[in-house]
Protein backbone atom coordinates (compact mmCIF):
# COMPACT_ATOMS: atom_id res chain seq x y z
CA MET A 1 19.27 -15.15 25.90
CA ARG A 2 20.98 -17.30 23.31
CA SER A 3 23.36 -15.73 20.81
CA ALA A 4 21.10 -16.66 17.88
CA VAL A 5 18.46 -14.24 19.16
CA ARG A 6 21.01 -11.61 20.10
CA ARG A 7 22.41 -11.51 16.55
CA ARG A 8 18.94 -10.80 15.15
CA TRP A 9 17.81 -8.28 17.77
CA PRO A 10 16.77 -4.99 16.08
CA ARG A 11 18.85 -1.92 16.79
CA THR A 12 15.79 -0.27 18.32
CA CYS A 13 16.03 -2.72 21.25
CA PRO A 14 18.36 -2.25 24.23
CA ARG A 15 21.64 -4.07 23.69
CA LEU A 16 22.21 -7.33 25.52
CA TYR A 17 25.75 -7.02 26.92
CA TRP A 18 26.12 -10.31 28.76
CA HIS A 19 24.27 -13.48 29.77
CA LEU A 20 24.95 -15.87 32.66
CA GLU A 21 23.34 -19.18 33.62
CA LEU A 22 23.88 -19.84 37.34
CA ASP A 23 22.18 -22.37 39.64
CA GLY A 24 19.09 -22.54 37.47
CA TRP A 25 18.84 -18.75 37.04
CA SER A 26 19.28 -16.76 33.82
CA LEU A 27 20.96 -13.39 34.44
CA LEU A 28 20.89 -10.84 31.62
CA GLY A 29 22.79 -7.56 31.46
CA TYR A 30 21.09 -5.00 29.18
CA GLU A 31 21.88 -1.49 28.05
CA GLY A 32 20.16 1.12 30.24
CA VAL A 33 17.72 3.26 28.23
CA ASP A 34 16.74 6.65 29.66
CA GLY A 35 13.56 7.72 27.88
CA ARG A 36 9.86 8.48 28.22
CA HIS A 37 6.88 6.36 27.24
CA ALA A 38 5.55 6.87 23.72
CA ASP A 39 2.51 9.05 23.09
CA TYR A 40 0.08 7.32 20.70
CA ALA A 41 -2.49 10.15 20.54
CA PRO A 42 -3.60 11.33 17.07
CA GLY A 43 -1.05 13.77 15.67
CA SER A 44 1.66 12.82 18.16
CA PRO A 45 5.22 13.41 16.87
CA ASP A 46 6.11 10.02 18.41
CA LEU A 47 4.10 8.08 15.82
CA PRO A 48 6.68 8.33 12.98
CA LEU A 49 9.37 7.18 15.41
CA VAL A 50 7.25 4.19 16.47
CA ALA A 51 6.57 3.41 12.81
CA ALA A 52 10.31 3.47 12.04
CA ALA A 53 11.03 1.07 14.91
CA LEU A 54 8.34 -1.35 13.80
CA THR A 55 9.49 -1.15 10.17
CA GLU A 56 12.97 -2.23 11.28
CA LEU A 57 11.54 -5.10 13.30
CA GLN A 58 9.42 -6.22 10.32
CA GLY A 59 12.58 -7.03 8.40
CA ILE A 60 13.89 -9.50 11.01
CA SER A 61 13.18 -13.23 10.92
CA ALA A 62 12.84 -15.28 14.08
CA PRO A 63 15.85 -17.59 14.53
CA ALA A 64 14.97 -21.11 13.46
CA ASP A 65 17.33 -22.70 15.98
CA VAL A 66 15.78 -21.07 19.05
CA GLU A 67 12.60 -22.34 20.66
CA ILE A 68 10.11 -19.48 21.04
CA LYS A 69 6.32 -19.29 20.94
CA GLN A 70 4.54 -19.97 17.64
CA ALA A 71 1.79 -17.44 16.85
CA GLU A 72 -0.57 -20.00 15.28
CA GLU A 73 -0.35 -22.11 18.46
CA ARG A 74 -0.44 -19.19 20.88
CA TRP A 75 -3.72 -17.78 19.57
CA ALA A 76 -5.42 -20.81 18.06
CA PRO A 77 -7.87 -21.19 21.02
CA TYR A 78 -9.07 -17.59 20.55
CA ALA A 79 -9.21 -17.28 16.75
CA PRO A 80 -12.34 -18.05 14.68
CA GLU A 81 -12.41 -21.68 13.60
CA GLY A 82 -10.13 -22.42 10.65
CA THR A 83 -8.23 -19.12 10.79
CA ALA A 84 -5.22 -19.98 12.98
CA ARG A 85 -3.11 -20.59 9.86
CA TYR A 86 -3.15 -16.86 9.13
CA PHE A 87 -1.00 -16.31 12.23
CA ALA A 88 1.82 -18.55 10.94
CA GLY A 89 5.04 -17.02 9.63
CA ASP A 90 8.74 -16.56 10.30
CA ALA A 91 8.86 -12.93 11.47
CA LEU A 92 10.23 -12.04 14.90
CA LEU A 93 7.29 -10.46 16.77
CA HIS A 94 7.10 -8.33 19.91
CA THR A 95 3.27 -8.69 20.21
CA ASP A 96 2.72 -6.13 22.98
CA PHE A 97 2.89 -2.57 21.66
CA ALA A 98 1.59 -0.91 24.80
CA PRO A 99 2.98 2.66 24.91
CA ASP A 100 4.90 1.88 28.09
CA ASN A 101 6.81 -0.80 26.15
CA VAL A 102 8.10 1.86 23.74
CA LEU A 103 10.61 4.42 25.04
CA ILE A 104 11.32 7.65 23.17
CA THR A 105 14.91 8.81 23.52
CA GLY A 106 17.49 10.49 21.29
CA GLY A 107 15.02 11.07 18.46
CA ARG A 108 14.06 7.40 18.09
CA ALA A 109 11.76 4.78 19.58
CA ARG A 110 13.22 1.85 21.52
CA LEU A 111 11.28 -1.41 22.00
CA VAL A 112 11.54 -2.83 25.53
CA ASP A 113 9.94 -5.55 27.67
CA TRP A 114 10.16 -8.53 25.33
CA ALA A 115 8.13 -10.80 27.60
CA TRP A 116 6.34 -12.60 24.71
CA PRO A 117 8.72 -12.92 21.73
CA THR A 118 6.88 -14.93 19.10
CA ARG A 119 7.48 -16.40 15.65
CA GLY A 120 4.61 -15.64 13.30
CA ALA A 121 3.10 -13.61 10.47
CA ALA A 122 4.49 -10.12 9.99
CA TRP A 123 1.01 -8.52 10.07
CA ILE A 124 0.52 -9.37 13.76
CA ASP A 125 2.67 -6.59 15.22
CA PRO A 126 1.03 -3.88 13.05
CA GLY A 127 -2.31 -5.32 14.16
CA ALA A 128 -1.29 -5.17 17.82
CA LEU A 129 -0.20 -1.55 17.33
CA ALA A 130 -3.50 -0.70 15.61
CA LEU A 131 -5.37 -1.80 18.73
CA ARG A 132 -3.27 0.49 20.87
CA LEU A 133 -3.85 3.39 18.49
CA MET A 134 -7.61 2.91 18.76
CA ASP A 135 -7.24 2.83 22.53
CA ALA A 136 -5.41 6.19 22.29
CA GLY A 137 -8.21 7.86 20.34
CA HIS A 138 -7.65 6.96 16.68
CA SER A 139 -10.64 5.83 14.64
CA VAL A 140 -10.71 2.26 13.31
CA GLU A 141 -10.07 3.59 9.80
CA GLU A 142 -7.07 5.65 10.95
CA ALA A 143 -5.58 2.77 12.92
CA VAL A 144 -5.98 0.29 10.05
CA ALA A 145 -4.48 2.80 7.58
CA PHE A 146 -1.48 3.22 9.90
CA ALA A 147 -1.03 -0.56 10.20
CA ARG A 148 -1.20 -1.10 6.45
CA ARG A 149 1.90 1.03 5.81
CA PHE A 150 4.24 -1.69 7.05
CA PRO A 151 6.01 -4.03 4.63
CA CYS A 152 4.13 -7.27 5.29
CA ARG A 153 2.66 -8.77 2.13
CA GLU A 154 -0.94 -7.88 1.24
CA ASP A 155 -1.89 -11.56 0.98
CA GLU A 156 -0.59 -12.17 4.54
CA MET A 157 -2.81 -9.54 6.13
CA PRO A 158 -6.19 -11.18 6.86
CA TRP A 159 -7.95 -8.09 8.14
CA PRO A 160 -10.36 -6.59 7.45
CA ARG A 161 -11.35 -8.87 4.55
CA ARG A 162 -11.01 -12.29 6.19
CA GLY A 163 -12.83 -11.66 9.43
CA LEU A 164 -9.81 -11.11 11.66
CA GLY A 165 -10.21 -7.36 11.89
CA PRO A 166 -9.50 -5.22 14.94
CA PRO A 167 -12.68 -6.28 16.84
CA GLN A 168 -11.66 -9.93 16.55
CA MET A 169 -8.00 -9.26 17.34
CA ARG A 170 -9.12 -7.21 20.33
CA ARG A 171 -10.42 -10.45 21.85
CA SER A 172 -7.49 -12.67 20.97
CA MET A 173 -4.55 -10.30 21.52
CA VAL A 174 -4.95 -8.74 24.94
CA TRP A 175 -3.37 -5.33 25.38
CA THR A 176 -4.58 -4.48 28.91
CA PRO A 177 -2.52 -6.09 31.68
CA PRO A 178 -4.78 -6.19 34.80
CA ALA A 179 -4.96 -9.69 36.22
CA GLU A 180 -8.75 -9.88 35.98
CA GLN A 181 -8.80 -8.99 32.27
CA TRP A 182 -5.91 -11.35 31.55
CA SER A 183 -7.57 -14.29 33.28
CA ILE A 184 -10.88 -13.66 31.52
CA THR A 185 -9.51 -13.31 28.00
CA MET A 186 -6.46 -15.55 27.99
CA GLY A 187 -7.52 -18.14 30.55
CA GLU A 188 -9.51 -21.28 30.00
CA ARG A 189 -12.60 -20.96 27.87
CA ASN A 190 -15.89 -20.90 29.79
CA ALA A 191 -13.92 -19.72 32.81
CA PHE A 192 -16.39 -16.96 33.67
CA LYS A 193 -20.08 -16.15 33.47
CA ALA A 194 -21.64 -13.14 31.78
CA LEU A 195 -25.19 -12.04 32.57
CA ILE A 196 -26.72 -9.57 30.10
CA ILE A 197 -29.76 -7.52 31.05
CA GLY A 198 -31.77 -6.66 27.95
CA GLY A 199 -32.25 -8.96 24.99
CA SER A 200 -32.58 -6.46 22.18
CA VAL A 201 -30.08 -6.15 19.34
CA GLY A 202 -27.36 -4.64 21.57
CA GLY A 203 -27.72 -7.36 24.19
CA LEU A 204 -27.66 -10.09 21.57
CA ALA A 205 -24.52 -8.70 19.95
CA ALA A 206 -22.85 -8.52 23.38
CA ALA A 207 -23.85 -12.13 24.05
CA HIS A 208 -22.15 -13.38 20.90
CA GLU A 209 -19.00 -11.31 21.49
CA LEU A 210 -18.68 -12.52 25.09
CA GLY A 211 -19.48 -16.08 24.08
CA SER A 212 -16.69 -16.08 21.51
CA ALA A 213 -14.32 -14.85 24.25
CA GLY A 214 -15.12 -17.95 26.31
CA ALA A 215 -17.95 -16.73 28.54
CA ASP A 216 -20.92 -18.75 29.76
CA VAL A 217 -23.60 -16.25 28.66
CA ALA A 218 -27.22 -15.77 29.74
CA VAL A 219 -29.44 -12.99 28.33
CA TYR A 220 -32.47 -11.78 30.31
CA GLU A 221 -35.27 -9.90 28.51
CA ARG A 222 -38.26 -8.42 30.36
CA SER A 223 -40.69 -8.90 27.44
CA ALA A 224 -42.94 -11.92 27.80
CA GLY A 225 -42.96 -12.62 24.06
CA ARG A 226 -40.65 -11.74 21.23
CA THR A 227 -39.64 -8.10 21.24
CA GLU A 228 -41.55 -5.72 18.98
CA PRO A 229 -40.23 -4.80 15.51
CA ARG A 230 -38.69 -1.33 15.28
CA GLY A 231 -38.85 -0.67 11.54
CA ALA A 232 -36.53 -0.75 8.55
CA GLY A 233 -33.89 1.59 7.14
CA ILE A 234 -30.93 0.41 9.23
CA VAL A 235 -27.53 0.68 7.55
CA MET A 236 -25.48 -2.52 7.80
CA GLN A 237 -22.25 -1.45 9.50
CA PRO A 238 -18.95 -3.37 8.91
CA GLU A 239 -18.85 -4.60 12.53
CA VAL A 240 -22.35 -6.09 12.13
CA GLU A 241 -21.34 -7.75 8.86
CA MET A 242 -18.34 -9.41 10.54
CA LEU A 243 -20.48 -10.57 13.46
CA LEU A 244 -23.07 -12.12 11.11
CA GLU A 245 -20.35 -13.85 9.08
CA ARG A 246 -18.95 -15.42 12.26
CA LEU A 247 -22.46 -16.71 13.04
CA GLY A 248 -22.68 -18.29 9.60
CA SER A 249 -25.07 -15.73 8.07
CA SER A 250 -24.32 -13.85 4.88
CA PRO A 251 -24.95 -10.10 5.39
CA ARG A 252 -26.69 -10.01 2.01
CA SER A 253 -29.13 -12.70 3.13
CA VAL A 254 -30.55 -10.33 5.78
CA SER A 255 -30.32 -7.06 3.85
CA VAL A 256 -31.08 -5.36 0.55
CA PRO A 257 -28.59 -3.32 -1.50
CA LEU A 258 -29.07 0.43 -1.72
CA HIS A 259 -27.50 2.00 -4.81
CA GLU A 260 -28.46 5.64 -4.54
CA ARG A 261 -30.27 8.20 -2.40
CA GLN A 262 -32.58 11.06 -3.29
CA GLN A 263 -32.71 14.34 -1.43
CA LEU A 264 -35.34 17.06 -1.73
CA HIS A 265 -34.09 20.64 -1.53
CA ILE A 266 -36.02 23.36 0.29
CA HIS A 267 -37.22 24.80 -3.05
CA GLY A 268 -38.60 21.46 -4.19
CA LYS A 269 -35.79 20.30 -6.46
CA ALA A 270 -34.97 16.59 -6.17
CA GLU A 271 -31.43 15.31 -6.69
CA ARG A 272 -30.10 11.75 -6.76
CA TYR A 273 -26.60 10.69 -5.75
CA LYS A 274 -24.81 7.35 -5.51
CA ALA A 275 -24.67 5.79 -2.02
CA PRO A 276 -23.93 2.06 -2.20
CA GLN A 277 -24.91 0.46 1.11
CA LEU A 278 -26.60 -2.61 2.53
CA MET A 279 -29.85 -1.87 4.37
CA THR A 280 -31.67 -4.10 6.82
CA SER A 281 -34.55 -3.92 9.30
CA TRP A 282 -34.53 -4.15 13.05
CA ASP A 283 -36.67 -7.32 13.07
CA THR A 284 -34.48 -9.09 10.49
CA LEU A 285 -31.30 -8.22 12.37
CA TYR A 286 -32.83 -9.26 15.69
CA ARG A 287 -33.82 -12.66 14.24
CA ALA A 288 -30.34 -13.26 12.78
CA LEU A 289 -28.76 -12.64 16.21
CA ARG A 290 -31.46 -14.35 18.28
CA ASP A 291 -31.80 -17.65 16.40
CA PRO A 292 -28.30 -18.99 17.22
CA LEU A 293 -29.01 -18.71 20.98
CA THR A 294 -30.79 -21.52 22.80
CA GLU A 295 -33.75 -20.99 25.11
CA VAL A 296 -31.41 -21.64 28.04
CA CYS A 297 -29.20 -18.74 26.97
CA TYR A 298 -32.08 -16.37 26.17
CA ARG A 299 -34.76 -15.97 28.84
CA LEU A 300 -37.94 -13.96 28.29
CA ASP A 301 -40.29 -12.52 30.92
CA SER A 302 -37.40 -11.62 33.23
CA SER A 303 -37.72 -8.16 34.75
CA LEU A 304 -34.66 -7.08 36.74
CA ALA A 305 -35.50 -6.15 40.34
CA ARG A 306 -32.08 -5.51 41.86
CA VAL A 307 -28.37 -6.28 41.62
CA ARG A 308 -26.25 -7.27 44.63
CA VAL A 309 -22.45 -6.98 44.61
CA GLU A 310 -20.53 -8.99 47.19
CA GLY A 311 -16.77 -8.86 46.71
CA HIS A 312 -16.09 -10.25 43.25
CA ASP A 313 -19.56 -11.81 42.97
CA VAL A 314 -22.55 -10.13 41.32
CA THR A 315 -26.07 -11.50 41.73
CA ALA A 316 -29.08 -10.32 39.71
CA GLU A 317 -32.60 -10.84 41.07
CA PHE A 318 -35.62 -10.91 38.76
């Protein structure tokens, strides 16, 4: 570890006491930290301590004279086209806020396991922490609100408005370490196949999400023709809006605005109240998700008979 990094290391990190280069090996002597892993559950008393540690890290710039990973290069293959520039910046980033990388000791949180130090935009670490909070039981709204408290500039934070919200970051910034998940998400694109049984709206959404993660996707639907319409009155959720925008469709082009609702009381009195929402129909939503897929990717008249699992291979028979 070069001295330029050591001088900028936040106090929340274990101290680097010495560094030797010997016969091609780098030997580092760190402070021993005796603590427990952080608890990210809603209401945990560890959360303010984690927030304080991240706030301190947010004020530190990556040393310009040390070669470390660049965020815009590290995640460019996994970000939506044209958005890699939002990852660029000069902040020193940890990028892996798994709770076992945060030790609680002496009334403070200590950041350990700096395996992926990165130079990039300050919003990335709060975003990485937001993913972990959702994994620990926080709602999306709670996790985003927590992430927005940190001192990165508003115009630097591209989520949720610019289509790099938690669902998209969940694909590009892996927070689960098993080798299989790592190789699927961070390996070469088109490195694995995904077979989806059921070509309704849920199956189509899964196909697009897996496809954007690099999968070779095939959807099998048992209906011989197009699936039957299921009616209108579907509220356009934010996740659906982001998915449609990534596919090049404006949410308003497949929906109608709802300005208010009317409810009828048991005694016959009608009351109106404001409820601004976008409403769509099942058939319209199905078409918007189905049209981008080729006939090779979407196969009708395919009724699943059985699934065989042999080691790491799965075979579906129709």
